């Protein structure tokens, strides 16, 4: 699978900050991958789907069998060589890390509209309770990057500053993993 270089040329949404470089990666706290645990825990070997096999002789069939096994017997799988660089992946993790470190008051401006069953935006942790415990699920959902949703949702400046990269990343993953 050849790696493509894409230049992003569309205009970024207007930021409310005076400093256009405030959200450059050099000014963000980088995501650091956690170390592998040293604890003696039960674990399962994940199936690794190497998407470079796709265009090799019998590659599609081999990947299909691996995927079938992963879905039916393991429950999870890992993909590699999906057309994005490690730097591009790490940058998305950096954006997520910095977003989730924003104050609640800032994130709640972009909260999901539960009453309208619209789940795009920030989902705060603790929405559901089971017994005496509340969930710890926090996420930020983007609508599909299509004309139907263009301009419908506002995002924090941190994400607006990188919206073209986020859009490119989402489309690259979607086209690589589902459209083949």
C-alpha atoms as a PDB file:
ATOM      1  CA  UNK A   1       0.000   0.000   0.000  1.00  0.00           C
ATOM      2  CA  UNK A   2       1.626   3.221  -1.088  1.00  0.00           C
ATOM      3  CA  UNK A   3       1.562   6.142   1.320  1.00  0.00           C
ATOM      4  CA  UNK A   4       0.043   9.252  -0.220  1.00  0.00           C
ATOM      5  CA  UNK A   5       0.947  12.822   0.607  1.00  0.00           C
ATOM      6  CA  UNK A   6      -2.045  15.126   0.670  1.00  0.00           C
ATOM      7  CA  UNK A   7      -1.969  18.892   0.915  1.00  0.00           C
ATOM      8  CA  UNK A   8      -4.862  20.385   2.837  1.00  0.00           C
ATOM      9  CA  UNK A   9      -5.930  23.648   1.250  1.00  0.00           C
ATOM     10  CA  UNK A  10      -9.407  24.565   2.521  1.00  0.00           C
ATOM     11  CA  UNK A  11      -9.829  27.514   4.851  1.00  0.00           C
ATOM     12  CA  UNK A  12      -9.934  26.873   8.571  1.00  0.00           C
ATOM     13  CA  UNK A  13     -12.976  28.020  10.584  1.00  0.00           C
ATOM     14  CA  UNK A  14     -12.581  31.351  12.324  1.00  0.00           C
ATOM     15  CA  UNK A  15     -10.886  31.076  15.721  1.00  0.00           C
ATOM     16  CA  UNK A  16     -11.830  33.297  18.648  1.00  0.00           C
ATOM     17  CA  UNK A  17      -8.227  33.487  19.878  1.00  0.00           C
ATOM     18  CA  UNK A  18      -5.955  36.374  18.945  1.00  0.00           C
ATOM     19  CA  UNK A  19      -2.924  34.101  18.587  1.00  0.00           C
ATOM     20  CA  UNK A  20      -3.180  32.023  15.381  1.00  0.00           C
ATOM     21  CA  UNK A  21      -0.310  29.778  16.588  1.00  0.00           C
ATOM     22  CA  UNK A  22      -1.786  29.025  20.022  1.00  0.00           C
ATOM     23  CA  UNK A  23      -2.897  25.578  18.873  1.00  0.00           C
ATOM     24  CA  UNK A  24       0.157  24.605  16.832  1.00  0.00           C
ATOM     25  CA  UNK A  25       1.395  21.162  17.866  1.00  0.00           C
ATOM     26  CA  UNK A  26       4.581  22.752  19.197  1.00  0.00           C
ATOM     27  CA  UNK A  27       2.400  24.578  21.753  1.00  0.00           C
ATOM     28  CA  UNK A  28       0.274  21.574  22.770  1.00  0.00           C
ATOM     29  CA  UNK A  29       1.042  19.007  25.445  1.00  0.00           C
ATOM     30  CA  UNK A  30       1.971  15.906  23.414  1.00  0.00           C
ATOM     31  CA  UNK A  31       0.282  12.574  23.892  1.00  0.00           C
ATOM     32  CA  UNK A  32       2.657   9.967  25.305  1.00  0.00           C
ATOM     33  CA  UNK A  33       1.819   6.310  24.807  1.00  0.00           C
ATOM     34  CA  UNK A  34       1.530   4.470  28.128  1.00  0.00           C
ATOM     35  CA  UNK A  35       4.197   1.876  28.835  1.00  0.00           C
ATOM     36  CA  UNK A  36       3.371  -1.787  28.522  1.00  0.00           C
ATOM     37  CA  UNK A  37       2.231  -3.172  31.845  1.00  0.00           C
ATOM     38  CA  UNK A  38       4.625  -5.259  33.906  1.00  0.00           C
ATOM     39  CA  UNK A  39       1.722  -6.807  35.848  1.00  0.00           C
ATOM     40  CA  UNK A  40       0.978 -10.481  35.404  1.00  0.00           C
ATOM     41  CA  UNK A  41      -2.498 -10.165  33.909  1.00  0.00           C
ATOM     42  CA  UNK A  42      -4.566 -12.416  31.684  1.00  0.00           C
ATOM     43  CA  UNK A  43      -4.406 -11.201  28.105  1.00  0.00           C
ATOM     44  CA  UNK A  44      -5.482 -12.166  24.628  1.00  0.00           C
ATOM     45  CA  UNK A  45      -3.391 -12.056  21.495  1.00  0.00           C
ATOM     46  CA  UNK A  46      -4.988  -9.640  19.052  1.00  0.00           C
ATOM     47  CA  UNK A  47      -5.224 -10.470  15.392  1.00  0.00           C
ATOM     48  CA  UNK A  48      -3.180  -8.004  13.333  1.00  0.00           C
ATOM     49  CA  UNK A  49      -4.537  -7.166   9.907  1.00  0.00           C
ATOM     50  CA  UNK A  50      -1.704  -5.879   7.725  1.00  0.00           C
ATOM     51  CA  UNK A  51      -3.464  -3.859   5.044  1.00  0.00           C
ATOM     52  CA  UNK A  52      -0.378  -3.986   2.826  1.00  0.00           C
ATOM     53  CA  UNK A  53      -1.539  -7.553   2.074  1.00  0.00           C
ATOM     54  CA  UNK A  54      -4.646  -6.208   0.336  1.00  0.00           C
ATOM     55  CA  UNK A  55      -2.969  -5.729  -3.043  1.00  0.00           C
ATOM     56  CA  UNK A  56      -0.715  -8.797  -2.822  1.00  0.00           C
ATOM     57  CA  UNK A  57      -1.626 -12.105  -4.489  1.00  0.00           C
ATOM     58  CA  UNK A  58      -4.296 -13.835  -2.364  1.00  0.00           C
ATOM     59  CA  UNK A  59      -4.086 -10.902   0.072  1.00  0.00           C
ATOM     60  CA  UNK A  60      -7.795 -10.096   0.075  1.00  0.00           C
ATOM     61  CA  UNK A  61      -8.688 -13.688   0.857  1.00  0.00           C
ATOM     62  CA  UNK A  62      -6.061 -13.899   3.620  1.00  0.00           C
ATOM     63  CA  UNK A  63      -7.287 -10.651   5.203  1.00  0.00           C
ATOM     64  CA  UNK A  64     -10.907 -11.813   4.969  1.00  0.00           C
ATOM     65  CA  UNK A  65     -10.067 -15.052   6.814  1.00  0.00           C
ATOM     66  CA  UNK A  66      -8.096 -13.180   9.479  1.00  0.00           C
ATOM     67  CA  UNK A  67     -10.937 -10.699   9.949  1.00  0.00           C
ATOM     68  CA  UNK A  68     -13.519 -13.466  10.172  1.00  0.00           C
ATOM     69  CA  UNK A  69     -11.439 -15.231  12.834  1.00  0.00           C
ATOM     70  CA  UNK A  70     -10.909 -11.996  14.779  1.00  0.00           C
ATOM     71  CA  UNK A  71     -14.587 -11.074  14.775  1.00  0.00           C
ATOM     72  CA  UNK A  72     -15.943 -14.532  15.569  1.00  0.00           C
ATOM     73  CA  UNK A  73     -13.314 -15.838  17.995  1.00  0.00           C
ATOM     74  CA  UNK A  74     -11.268 -12.978  19.463  1.00  0.00           C
ATOM     75  CA  UNK A  75     -13.619 -10.008  19.482  1.00  0.00           C
ATOM     76  CA  UNK A  76     -11.007  -7.409  18.574  1.00  0.00           C
ATOM     77  CA  UNK A  77      -8.387  -6.802  15.935  1.00  0.00           C
ATOM     78  CA  UNK A  78      -5.576  -4.405  15.201  1.00  0.00           C
ATOM     79  CA  UNK A  79      -4.838  -2.866  11.797  1.00  0.00           C
ATOM     80  CA  UNK A  80      -1.464  -1.703  10.541  1.00  0.00           C
ATOM     81  CA  UNK A  81      -0.252  -0.110   7.322  1.00  0.00           C
ATOM     82  CA  UNK A  82      -3.551   1.691   6.811  1.00  0.00           C
ATOM     83  CA  UNK A  83      -2.085   4.653   4.957  1.00  0.00           C
ATOM     84  CA  UNK A  84      -1.486   7.164   7.750  1.00  0.00           C
ATOM     85  CA  UNK A  85       1.838   7.905   9.375  1.00  0.00           C
ATOM     86  CA  UNK A  86       2.519   7.356  13.057  1.00  0.00           C
ATOM     87  CA  UNK A  87       2.953  11.133  13.347  1.00  0.00           C
ATOM     88  CA  UNK A  88      -0.554  11.719  11.959  1.00  0.00           C
ATOM     89  CA  UNK A  89      -2.014   9.225  14.442  1.00  0.00           C
ATOM     90  CA  UNK A  90      -0.055  10.725  17.356  1.00  0.00           C
ATOM     91  CA  UNK A  91      -1.250  14.215  16.405  1.00  0.00           C
ATOM     92  CA  UNK A  92      -4.871  13.075  16.684  1.00  0.00           C
ATOM     93  CA  UNK A  93      -4.112  11.594  20.117  1.00  0.00           C
ATOM     94  CA  UNK A  94      -2.488  14.917  21.069  1.00  0.00           C
ATOM     95  CA  UNK A  95      -5.622  16.816  20.052  1.00  0.00           C
ATOM     96  CA  UNK A  96      -7.786  14.436  22.083  1.00  0.00           C
ATOM     97  CA  UNK A  97      -5.524  14.721  25.130  1.00  0.00           C
ATOM     98  CA  UNK A  98      -5.590  18.515  25.011  1.00  0.00           C
ATOM     99  CA  UNK A  99      -9.347  18.624  24.414  1.00  0.00           C
ATOM    100  CA  UNK A 100     -10.158  16.372  27.378  1.00  0.00           C
ATOM    101  CA  UNK A 101      -7.886  18.505  29.594  1.00  0.00           C
ATOM    102  CA  UNK A 102      -9.978  21.618  28.850  1.00  0.00           C
ATOM    103  CA  UNK A 103     -12.052  22.907  31.782  1.00  0.00           C
ATOM    104  CA  UNK A 104     -15.565  21.460  32.022  1.00  0.00           C
ATOM    105  CA  UNK A 105     -16.977  24.958  31.521  1.00  0.00           C
ATOM    106  CA  UNK A 106     -15.320  25.136  28.109  1.00  0.00           C
ATOM    107  CA  UNK A 107     -16.302  21.605  27.026  1.00  0.00           C
ATOM    108  CA  UNK A 108     -19.936  21.996  28.078  1.00  0.00           C
ATOM    109  CA  UNK A 109     -20.372  24.728  25.445  1.00  0.00           C
ATOM    110  CA  UNK A 110     -20.178  21.863  22.930  1.00  0.00           C
ATOM    111  CA  UNK A 111     -22.225  19.322  24.849  1.00  0.00           C
ATOM    112  CA  UNK A 112     -24.361  16.749  23.053  1.00  0.00           C
ATOM    113  CA  UNK A 113     -28.014  17.736  22.639  1.00  0.00           C
ATOM    114  CA  UNK A 114     -29.543  14.675  24.280  1.00  0.00           C
ATOM    115  CA  UNK A 115     -33.098  16.069  24.126  1.00  0.00           C
ATOM    116  CA  UNK A 116     -32.888  16.188  20.325  1.00  0.00           C
ATOM    117  CA  UNK A 117     -31.153  12.782  20.159  1.00  0.00           C
ATOM    118  CA  UNK A 118     -28.171  14.535  18.558  1.00  0.00           C
ATOM    119  CA  UNK A 119     -25.014  12.876  19.795  1.00  0.00           C
ATOM    120  CA  UNK A 120     -22.425  15.069  18.093  1.00  0.00           C
ATOM    121  CA  UNK A 121     -20.255  17.067  20.440  1.00  0.00           C
ATOM    122  CA  UNK A 122     -18.963  16.455  23.953  1.00  0.00           C
ATOM    123  CA  UNK A 123     -20.409  13.655  26.061  1.00  0.00           C
ATOM    124  CA  UNK A 124     -19.659  14.208  29.734  1.00  0.00           C
ATOM    125  CA  UNK A 125     -18.740  11.313  32.017  1.00  0.00           C
ATOM    126  CA  UNK A 126     -21.162  10.183  34.699  1.00  0.00           C
ATOM    127  CA  UNK A 127     -24.360  10.247  32.623  1.00  0.00           C
ATOM    128  CA  UNK A 128     -25.318   6.696  33.496  1.00  0.00           C
ATOM    129  CA  UNK A 129     -25.317   4.979  36.841  1.00  0.00           C
ATOM    130  CA  UNK A 130     -25.218   1.278  37.547  1.00  0.00           C
ATOM    131  CA  UNK A 131     -25.610   0.468  41.211  1.00  0.00           C
ATOM    132  CA  UNK A 132     -23.541   2.989  43.129  1.00  0.00           C
ATOM    133  CA  UNK A 133     -21.159   3.689  40.247  1.00  0.00           C
ATOM    134  CA  UNK A 134     -21.412   6.267  37.504  1.00  0.00           C
ATOM    135  CA  UNK A 135     -19.789   5.637  34.153  1.00  0.00           C
ATOM    136  CA  UNK A 136     -16.453   7.234  33.299  1.00  0.00           C
ATOM    137  CA  UNK A 137     -17.115   7.574  29.576  1.00  0.00           C
ATOM    138  CA  UNK A 138     -16.135  10.905  28.088  1.00  0.00           C
ATOM    139  CA  UNK A 139     -16.027  11.449  24.336  1.00  0.00           C
ATOM    140  CA  UNK A 140     -16.291  14.002  21.574  1.00  0.00           C
ATOM    141  CA  UNK A 141     -18.209  13.002  18.453  1.00  0.00           C
ATOM    142  CA  UNK A 142     -17.938  14.717  15.100  1.00  0.00           C
ATOM    143  CA  UNK A 143     -20.726  14.603  12.552  1.00  0.00           C
ATOM    144  CA  UNK A 144     -19.808  13.146   9.187  1.00  0.00           C
ATOM    145  CA  UNK A 145     -17.797  15.575   7.132  1.00  0.00           C
ATOM    146  CA  UNK A 146     -20.454  15.979   4.451  1.00  0.00           C
ATOM    147  CA  UNK A 147     -22.342  18.951   3.018  1.00  0.00           C
ATOM    148  CA  UNK A 148     -25.367  17.911   5.122  1.00  0.00           C
ATOM    149  CA  UNK A 149     -23.548  18.817   8.335  1.00  0.00           C
ATOM    150  CA  UNK A 150     -21.287  21.612   7.095  1.00  0.00           C
ATOM    151  CA  UNK A 151     -21.502  24.559   9.500  1.00  0.00           C
ATOM    152  CA  UNK A 152     -24.102  22.849  11.720  1.00  0.00           C
ATOM    153  CA  UNK A 153     -21.794  22.301  14.693  1.00  0.00           C
ATOM    154  CA  UNK A 154     -19.441  24.602  16.514  1.00  0.00           C
ATOM    155  CA  UNK A 155     -16.211  23.239  17.959  1.00  0.00           C
ATOM    156  CA  UNK A 156     -13.667  24.509  20.489  1.00  0.00           C
ATOM    157  CA  UNK A 157     -10.869  26.608  18.995  1.00  0.00           C
ATOM    158  CA  UNK A 158      -8.393  23.792  19.662  1.00  0.00           C
ATOM    159  CA  UNK A 159     -10.340  21.517  17.302  1.00  0.00           C
ATOM    160  CA  UNK A 160     -11.267  24.267  14.819  1.00  0.00           C
ATOM    161  CA  UNK A 161      -7.561  24.959  14.337  1.00  0.00           C
ATOM    162  CA  UNK A 162      -7.099  21.345  13.178  1.00  0.00           C
ATOM    163  CA  UNK A 163     -10.458  20.608  11.591  1.00  0.00           C
ATOM    164  CA  UNK A 164      -9.021  19.920   8.135  1.00  0.00           C
ATOM    165  CA  UNK A 165      -6.580  17.395   9.622  1.00  0.00           C
ATOM    166  CA  UNK A 166      -9.348  15.745  11.628  1.00  0.00           C
ATOM    167  CA  UNK A 167     -11.502  15.554   8.501  1.00  0.00           C
ATOM    168  CA  UNK A 168      -8.628  14.092   6.462  1.00  0.00           C
ATOM    169  CA  UNK A 169      -7.857  11.553   9.201  1.00  0.00           C
ATOM    170  CA  UNK A 170     -11.502  10.454   9.480  1.00  0.00           C
ATOM    171  CA  UNK A 171     -11.889  10.083   5.728  1.00  0.00           C
ATOM    172  CA  UNK A 172      -8.587   8.220   5.371  1.00  0.00           C
ATOM    173  CA  UNK A 173      -9.538   5.708   8.043  1.00  0.00           C
ATOM    174  CA  UNK A 174     -13.031   5.291   6.639  1.00  0.00           C
ATOM    175  CA  UNK A 175     -11.879   4.746   3.076  1.00  0.00           C
ATOM    176  CA  UNK A 176      -9.069   2.386   4.072  1.00  0.00           C
ATOM    177  CA  UNK A 177     -10.984   0.249   6.516  1.00  0.00           C
ATOM    178  CA  UNK A 178     -14.512   0.148   5.089  1.00  0.00           C
ATOM    179  CA  UNK A 179     -14.500   0.962   1.405  1.00  0.00           C
ATOM    180  CA  UNK A 180     -12.046  -1.688   0.262  1.00  0.00           C
END
